[in-house]
Amino acid sequence: MCSPRKCWASADPIVPHEENAAIVKERYEKMGGPILVILKPGAGHHPHDLEDPTLILDFIRKQTKTLSATDT
């Protein structure tokens, strides 16, 4: 199972969170899948990066370990 990561910019007029990532998050959680959504308060559509990518790296590492454990 793929574990999505989403950075949500609260002021994004092009891709509103409520119409996009919020729906994906709700559906993914209903299926029992892990998902990480990071809020960027006051941010618009750009930039897409994070000053500190630690949250994303930790999430990926945790999911990689989980997947590895289920493969054996």
PDB file of N, CA and C in Angstrom:
ATOM      1  N   MET A   1       0.843  -1.174   0.000  1.00  0.00           N
ATOM      2  CA  MET A   1       0.000   0.000   0.000  1.00  0.00           C
ATOM      3  C   MET A   1       0.894   1.244   0.000  1.00  0.00           C
ATOM      4  N   CYS A   2       0.567   2.173  -0.831  1.00  0.00           N
ATOM      5  CA  CYS A   2       1.289   3.440  -0.901  1.00  0.00           C
ATOM      6  C   CYS A   2       0.847   4.335   0.250  1.00  0.00           C
ATOM      7  N   SER A   3       1.782   5.014   0.864  1.00  0.00           N
ATOM      8  CA  SER A   3       1.466   5.927   1.959  1.00  0.00           C
ATOM      9  C   SER A   3       1.656   7.363   1.492  1.00  0.00           C
ATOM     10  N   PRO A   4       0.574   8.054   1.193  1.00  0.00           N
ATOM     11  CA  PRO A   4       0.705   9.411   0.661  1.00  0.00           C
ATOM     12  C   PRO A   4       1.124  10.431   1.698  1.00  0.00           C
ATOM     13  N   ARG A   5       1.789  11.469   1.202  1.00  0.00           N
ATOM     14  CA  ARG A   5       2.160  12.624   2.010  1.00  0.00           C
ATOM     15  C   ARG A   5       1.606  13.846   1.301  1.00  0.00           C
ATOM     16  N   LYS A   6       1.022  14.765   2.063  1.00  0.00           N
ATOM     17  CA  LYS A   6       0.426  15.952   1.473  1.00  0.00           C
ATOM     18  C   LYS A   6       0.758  17.156   2.320  1.00  0.00           C
ATOM     19  N   CYS A   7       1.314  18.170   1.692  1.00  0.00           N
ATOM     20  CA  CYS A   7       1.491  19.457   2.352  1.00  0.00           C
ATOM     21  C   CYS A   7       0.303  20.325   1.967  1.00  0.00           C
ATOM     22  N   TRP A   8      -0.411  20.795   2.953  1.00  0.00           N
ATOM     23  CA  TRP A   8      -1.609  21.579   2.724  1.00  0.00           C
ATOM     24  C   TRP A   8      -1.329  23.033   3.021  1.00  0.00           C
ATOM     25  N   ALA A   9      -1.480  23.871   2.030  1.00  0.00           N
ATOM     26  CA  ALA A   9      -1.347  25.316   2.200  1.00  0.00           C
ATOM     27  C   ALA A   9      -2.741  25.870   2.462  1.00  0.00           C
ATOM     28  N   SER A  10      -2.945  26.424   3.625  1.00  0.00           N
ATOM     29  CA  SER A  10      -4.291  26.809   4.038  1.00  0.00           C
ATOM     30  C   SER A  10      -4.916  27.917   3.191  1.00  0.00           C
ATOM     31  N   ALA A  11      -4.111  28.676   2.468  1.00  0.00           N
ATOM     32  CA  ALA A  11      -4.646  29.771   1.652  1.00  0.00           C
ATOM     33  C   ALA A  11      -4.481  29.495   0.152  1.00  0.00           C
ATOM     34  N   ASP A  12      -4.452  28.238  -0.235  1.00  0.00           N
ATOM     35  CA  ASP A  12      -4.261  27.878  -1.643  1.00  0.00           C
ATOM     36  C   ASP A  12      -5.573  28.042  -2.410  1.00  0.00           C
ATOM     37  N   PRO A  13      -5.667  29.043  -3.295  1.00  0.00           N
ATOM     38  CA  PRO A  13      -6.906  29.245  -4.038  1.00  0.00           C
ATOM     39  C   PRO A  13      -7.024  28.327  -5.263  1.00  0.00           C
ATOM     40  N   ILE A  14      -5.927  27.718  -5.675  1.00  0.00           N
ATOM     41  CA  ILE A  14      -5.917  26.885  -6.883  1.00  0.00           C
ATOM     42  C   ILE A  14      -6.324  25.443  -6.571  1.00  0.00           C
ATOM     43  N   VAL A  15      -5.794  24.908  -5.483  1.00  0.00           N
ATOM     44  CA  VAL A  15      -6.104  23.539  -5.060  1.00  0.00           C
ATOM     45  C   VAL A  15      -6.569  23.584  -3.606  1.00  0.00           C
ATOM     46  N   PRO A  16      -7.827  23.967  -3.371  1.00  0.00           N
ATOM     47  CA  PRO A  16      -8.314  24.081  -1.993  1.00  0.00           C
ATOM     48  C   PRO A  16      -8.276  22.740  -1.268  1.00  0.00           C
ATOM     49  N   HIS A  17      -7.766  22.769  -0.063  1.00  0.00           N
ATOM     50  CA  HIS A  17      -7.621  21.559   0.747  1.00  0.00           C
ATOM     51  C   HIS A  17      -8.946  20.819   0.908  1.00  0.00           C
ATOM     52  N   GLU A  18     -10.002  21.559   1.193  1.00  0.00           N
ATOM     53  CA  GLU A  18     -11.298  20.933   1.463  1.00  0.00           C
ATOM     54  C   GLU A  18     -11.829  20.152   0.263  1.00  0.00           C
ATOM     55  N   GLU A  19     -11.437  20.554  -0.941  1.00  0.00           N
ATOM     56  CA  GLU A  19     -11.922  19.904  -2.159  1.00  0.00           C
ATOM     57  C   GLU A  19     -10.956  18.847  -2.691  1.00  0.00           C
ATOM     58  N   ASN A  20      -9.818  18.690  -2.051  1.00  0.00           N
ATOM     59  CA  ASN A  20      -8.797  17.790  -2.578  1.00  0.00           C
ATOM     60  C   ASN A  20      -8.202  16.906  -1.498  1.00  0.00           C
ATOM     61  N   ALA A  21      -7.182  17.380  -0.817  1.00  0.00           N
ATOM     62  CA  ALA A  21      -6.457  16.553   0.159  1.00  0.00           C
ATOM     63  C   ALA A  21      -7.344  16.081   1.303  1.00  0.00           C
ATOM     64  N   ALA A  22      -8.299  16.901   1.725  1.00  0.00           N
ATOM     65  CA  ALA A  22      -9.181  16.489   2.822  1.00  0.00           C
ATOM     66  C   ALA A  22      -9.995  15.259   2.437  1.00  0.00           C
ATOM     67  N   ILE A  23     -10.432  15.217   1.179  1.00  0.00           N
ATOM     68  CA  ILE A  23     -11.208  14.071   0.691  1.00  0.00           C
ATOM     69  C   ILE A  23     -10.322  12.830   0.602  1.00  0.00           C
ATOM     70  N   VAL A  24      -9.118  12.991   0.063  1.00  0.00           N
ATOM     71  CA  VAL A  24      -8.184  11.868  -0.032  1.00  0.00           C
ATOM     72  C   VAL A  24      -7.865  11.329   1.360  1.00  0.00           C
ATOM     73  N   LYS A  25      -7.583  12.235   2.296  1.00  0.00           N
ATOM     74  CA  LYS A  25      -7.256  11.838   3.674  1.00  0.00           C
ATOM     75  C   LYS A  25      -8.402  11.040   4.298  1.00  0.00           C
ATOM     76  N   GLU A  26      -9.614  11.552   4.175  1.00  0.00           N
ATOM     77  CA  GLU A  26     -10.783  10.877   4.760  1.00  0.00           C
ATOM     78  C   GLU A  26     -10.958   9.473   4.162  1.00  0.00           C
ATOM     79  N   ARG A  27     -10.851   9.360   2.851  1.00  0.00           N
ATOM     80  CA  ARG A  27     -11.036   8.063   2.196  1.00  0.00           C
ATOM     81  C   ARG A  27      -9.917   7.090   2.542  1.00  0.00           C
ATOM     82  N   TYR A  28      -8.697   7.595   2.575  1.00  0.00           N
ATOM     83  CA  TYR A  28      -7.558   6.734   2.887  1.00  0.00           C
ATOM     84  C   TYR A  28      -7.673   6.190   4.309  1.00  0.00           C
ATOM     85  N   GLU A  29      -8.055   7.060   5.249  1.00  0.00           N
ATOM     86  CA  GLU A  29      -8.198   6.619   6.642  1.00  0.00           C
ATOM     87  C   GLU A  29      -9.336   5.610   6.791  1.00  0.00           C
ATOM     88  N   LYS A  30     -10.423   5.783   6.030  1.00  0.00           N
ATOM     89  CA  LYS A  30     -11.528   4.813   6.076  1.00  0.00           C
ATOM     90  C   LYS A  30     -11.071   3.434   5.614  1.00  0.00           C
ATOM     91  N   MET A  31     -10.104   3.394   4.683  1.00  0.00           N
ATOM     92  CA  MET A  31      -9.573   2.115   4.202  1.00  0.00           C
ATOM     93  C   MET A  31      -8.488   1.572   5.126  1.00  0.00           C
ATOM     94  N   GLY A  32      -8.133   2.332   6.173  1.00  0.00           N
ATOM     95  CA  GLY A  32      -7.125   1.870   7.122  1.00  0.00           C
ATOM     96  C   GLY A  32      -5.705   2.196   6.729  1.00  0.00           C
ATOM     97  N   GLY A  33      -5.539   3.070   5.756  1.00  0.00           N
ATOM     98  CA  GLY A  33      -4.202   3.418   5.289  1.00  0.00           C
ATOM     99  C   GLY A  33      -3.614   4.600   6.037  1.00  0.00           C
ATOM    100  N   PRO A  34      -2.301   4.605   6.207  1.00  0.00           N
ATOM    101  CA  PRO A  34      -1.634   5.741   6.835  1.00  0.00           C
ATOM    102  C   PRO A  34      -1.469   6.881   5.831  1.00  0.00           C
ATOM    103  N   ILE A  35      -1.657   8.095   6.298  1.00  0.00           N
ATOM    104  CA  ILE A  35      -1.481   9.282   5.458  1.00  0.00           C
ATOM    105  C   ILE A  35      -0.948  10.406   6.334  1.00  0.00           C
ATOM    106  N   LEU A  36      -0.092  11.215   5.776  1.00  0.00           N
ATOM    107  CA  LEU A  36       0.472  12.345   6.494  1.00  0.00           C
ATOM    108  C   LEU A  36       0.050  13.621   5.779  1.00  0.00           C
ATOM    109  N   VAL A  37      -0.629  14.513   6.504  1.00  0.00           N
ATOM    110  CA  VAL A  37      -1.011  15.815   5.960  1.00  0.00           C
ATOM    111  C   VAL A  37      -0.363  16.876   6.847  1.00  0.00           C
ATOM    112  N   ILE A  38       0.418  17.746   6.224  1.00  0.00           N
ATOM    113  CA  ILE A  38       1.135  18.791   6.948  1.00  0.00           C
ATOM    114  C   ILE A  38       0.532  20.138   6.597  1.00  0.00           C
ATOM    115  N   LEU A  39       0.126  20.885   7.593  1.00  0.00           N
ATOM    116  CA  LEU A  39      -0.477  22.207   7.395  1.00  0.00           C
ATOM    117  C   LEU A  39       0.594  23.283   7.273  1.00  0.00           C
ATOM    118  N   LYS A  40       0.457  24.103   6.245  1.00  0.00           N
ATOM    119  CA  LYS A  40       1.311  25.281   6.071  1.00  0.00           C
ATOM    120  C   LYS A  40       0.397  26.498   6.213  1.00  0.00           C
ATOM    121  N   PRO A  41       0.220  27.007   7.456  1.00  0.00           N
ATOM    122  CA  PRO A  41      -0.727  28.092   7.703  1.00  0.00           C
ATOM    123  C   PRO A  41      -0.404  29.344   6.890  1.00  0.00           C
ATOM    124  N   GLY A  42      -1.425  29.889   6.247  1.00  0.00           N
ATOM    125  CA  GLY A  42      -1.283  31.132   5.514  1.00  0.00           C
ATOM    126  C   GLY A  42      -0.578  31.025   4.182  1.00  0.00           C
ATOM    127  N   ALA A  43      -0.099  29.844   3.814  1.00  0.00           N
ATOM    128  CA  ALA A  43       0.635  29.677   2.557  1.00  0.00           C
ATOM    129  C   ALA A  43      -0.331  29.561   1.387  1.00  0.00           C
ATOM    130  N   GLY A  44       0.124  30.018   0.227  1.00  0.00           N
ATOM    131  CA  GLY A  44      -0.654  29.902  -0.993  1.00  0.00           C
ATOM    132  C   GLY A  44      -0.263  28.656  -1.764  1.00  0.00           C
ATOM    133  N   HIS A  45      -0.438  28.699  -3.082  1.00  0.00           N
ATOM    134  CA  HIS A  45      -0.149  27.527  -3.903  1.00  0.00           C
ATOM    135  C   HIS A  45       1.350  27.233  -4.000  1.00  0.00           C
ATOM    136  N   HIS A  46       2.186  28.244  -3.937  1.00  0.00           N
ATOM    137  CA  HIS A  46       3.639  28.072  -3.987  1.00  0.00           C
ATOM    138  C   HIS A  46       4.268  28.757  -2.787  1.00  0.00           C
ATOM    139  N   PRO A  47       5.372  28.353  -2.253  1.00  0.00           N
ATOM    140  CA  PRO A  47       6.206  27.227  -2.669  1.00  0.00           C
ATOM    141  C   PRO A  47       5.665  25.915  -2.106  1.00  0.00           C
ATOM    142  N   HIS A  48       6.089  24.806  -2.704  1.00  0.00           N
ATOM    143  CA  HIS A  48       5.633  23.484  -2.291  1.00  0.00           C
ATOM    144  C   HIS A  48       6.540  22.841  -1.250  1.00  0.00           C
ATOM    145  N   ASP A  49       7.642  23.444  -0.944  1.00  0.00           N
ATOM    146  CA  ASP A  49       8.615  22.816  -0.059  1.00  0.00           C
ATOM    147  C   ASP A  49       8.334  23.127   1.410  1.00  0.00           C
ATOM    148  N   LEU A  50       9.061  22.436   2.275  1.00  0.00           N
ATOM    149  CA  LEU A  50       9.027  22.679   3.716  1.00  0.00           C
ATOM    150  C   LEU A  50      10.409  23.133   4.153  1.00  0.00           C
ATOM    151  N   GLU A  51      10.452  24.024   5.124  1.00  0.00           N
ATOM    152  CA  GLU A  51      11.755  24.447   5.649  1.00  0.00           C
ATOM    153  C   GLU A  51      12.468  23.275   6.314  1.00  0.00           C
ATOM    154  N   ASP A  52      11.697  22.456   7.012  1.00  0.00           N
ATOM    155  CA  ASP A  52      12.272  21.292   7.702  1.00  0.00           C
ATOM    156  C   ASP A  52      11.535  20.034   7.233  1.00  0.00           C
ATOM    157  N   PRO A  53      12.176  19.197   6.432  1.00  0.00           N
ATOM    158  CA  PRO A  53      11.512  18.006   5.895  1.00  0.00           C
ATOM    159  C   PRO A  53      11.480  16.819   6.857  1.00  0.00           C
ATOM    160  N   THR A  54      11.833  17.026   8.110  1.00  0.00           N
ATOM    161  CA  THR A  54      11.938  15.919   9.075  1.00  0.00           C
ATOM    162  C   THR A  54      10.639  15.134   9.194  1.00  0.00           C
ATOM    163  N   LEU A  55       9.487  15.806   9.241  1.00  0.00           N
ATOM    164  CA  LEU A  55       8.210  15.095   9.372  1.00  0.00           C
ATOM    165  C   LEU A  55       8.004  14.112   8.232  1.00  0.00           C
ATOM    166  N   ILE A  56       8.306  14.543   7.021  1.00  0.00           N
ATOM    167  CA  ILE A  56       8.127  13.675   5.859  1.00  0.00           C
ATOM    168  C   ILE A  56       9.126  12.521   5.886  1.00  0.00           C
ATOM    169  N   LEU A  57      10.370  12.822   6.206  1.00  0.00           N
ATOM    170  CA  LEU A  57      11.392  11.769   6.274  1.00  0.00           C
ATOM    171  C   LEU A  57      11.051  10.727   7.328  1.00  0.00           C
ATOM    172  N   ASP A  58      10.612  11.174   8.500  1.00  0.00           N
ATOM    173  CA  ASP A  58      10.244  10.238   9.569  1.00  0.00           C
ATOM    174  C   ASP A  58       9.067   9.364   9.144  1.00  0.00           C
ATOM    175  N   PHE A  59       8.070   9.953   8.465  1.00  0.00           N
ATOM    176  CA  PHE A  59       6.916   9.210   7.993  1.00  0.00           C
ATOM    177  C   PHE A  59       7.338   8.141   6.981  1.00  0.00           C
ATOM    178  N   ILE A  60       8.187   8.516   6.034  1.00  0.00           N
ATOM    179  CA  ILE A  60       8.663   7.573   5.024  1.00  0.00           C
ATOM    180  C   ILE A  60       9.458   6.441   5.676  1.00  0.00           C
ATOM    181  N   ARG A  61      10.330   6.793   6.603  1.00  0.00           N
ATOM    182  CA  ARG A  61      11.120   5.762   7.300  1.00  0.00           C
ATOM    183  C   ARG A  61      10.224   4.792   8.054  1.00  0.00           C
ATOM    184  N   LYS A  62       9.222   5.314   8.748  1.00  0.00           N
ATOM    185  CA  LYS A  62       8.303   4.461   9.509  1.00  0.00           C
ATOM    186  C   LYS A  62       7.535   3.537   8.569  1.00  0.00           C
ATOM    187  N   GLN A  63       7.043   4.068   7.448  1.00  0.00           N
ATOM    188  CA  GLN A  63       6.289   3.254   6.507  1.00  0.00           C
ATOM    189  C   GLN A  63       7.172   2.213   5.835  1.00  0.00           C
ATOM    190  N   THR A  64       8.418   2.563   5.562  1.00  0.00           N
ATOM    191  CA  THR A  64       9.356   1.619   4.956  1.00  0.00           C
ATOM    192  C   THR A  64       9.599   0.445   5.901  1.00  0.00           C
ATOM    193  N   LYS A  65       9.772   0.736   7.181  1.00  0.00           N
ATOM    194  CA  LYS A  65       9.967  -0.332   8.169  1.00  0.00           C
ATOM    195  C   LYS A  65       8.737  -1.211   8.271  1.00  0.00           C
ATOM    196  N   THR A  66       7.549  -0.593   8.241  1.00  0.00           N
ATOM    197  CA  THR A  66       6.294  -1.344   8.323  1.00  0.00           C
ATOM    198  C   THR A  66       6.150  -2.257   7.126  1.00  0.00           C
ATOM    199  N   LEU A  67       6.416  -1.748   5.931  1.00  0.00           N
ATOM    200  CA  LEU A  67       6.331  -2.565   4.721  1.00  0.00           C
ATOM    201  C   LEU A  67       7.339  -3.695   4.735  1.00  0.00           C
ATOM    202  N   SER A  68       8.555  -3.422   5.184  1.00  0.00           N
ATOM    203  CA  SER A  68       9.598  -4.451   5.237  1.00  0.00           C
ATOM    204  C   SER A  68       9.205  -5.570   6.182  1.00  0.00           C
ATOM    205  N   ALA A  69       8.584  -5.219   7.298  1.00  0.00           N
ATOM    206  CA  ALA A  69       8.202  -6.213   8.286  1.00  0.00           C
ATOM    207  C   ALA A  69       7.080  -7.113   7.760  1.00  0.00           C
ATOM    208  N   THR A  70       6.197  -6.582   6.913  1.00  0.00           N
ATOM    209  CA  THR A  70       5.109  -7.398   6.402  1.00  0.00           C
ATOM    210  C   THR A  70       5.527  -8.242   5.215  1.00  0.00           C
ATOM    211  N   ASP A  71       6.676  -7.940   4.608  1.00  0.00           N
ATOM    212  CA  ASP A  71       7.159  -8.714   3.470  1.00  0.00           C
ATOM    213  C   ASP A  71       7.786 -10.044   3.873  1.00  0.00           C
ATOM    214  N   THR A  72       8.167 -10.158   5.138  1.00  0.00           N
ATOM    215  CA  THR A  72       8.855 -11.383   5.568  1.00  0.00           C
ATOM    216  C   THR A  72       7.924 -12.371   6.195  1.00  0.00           C
TER     217      THR A  72
END
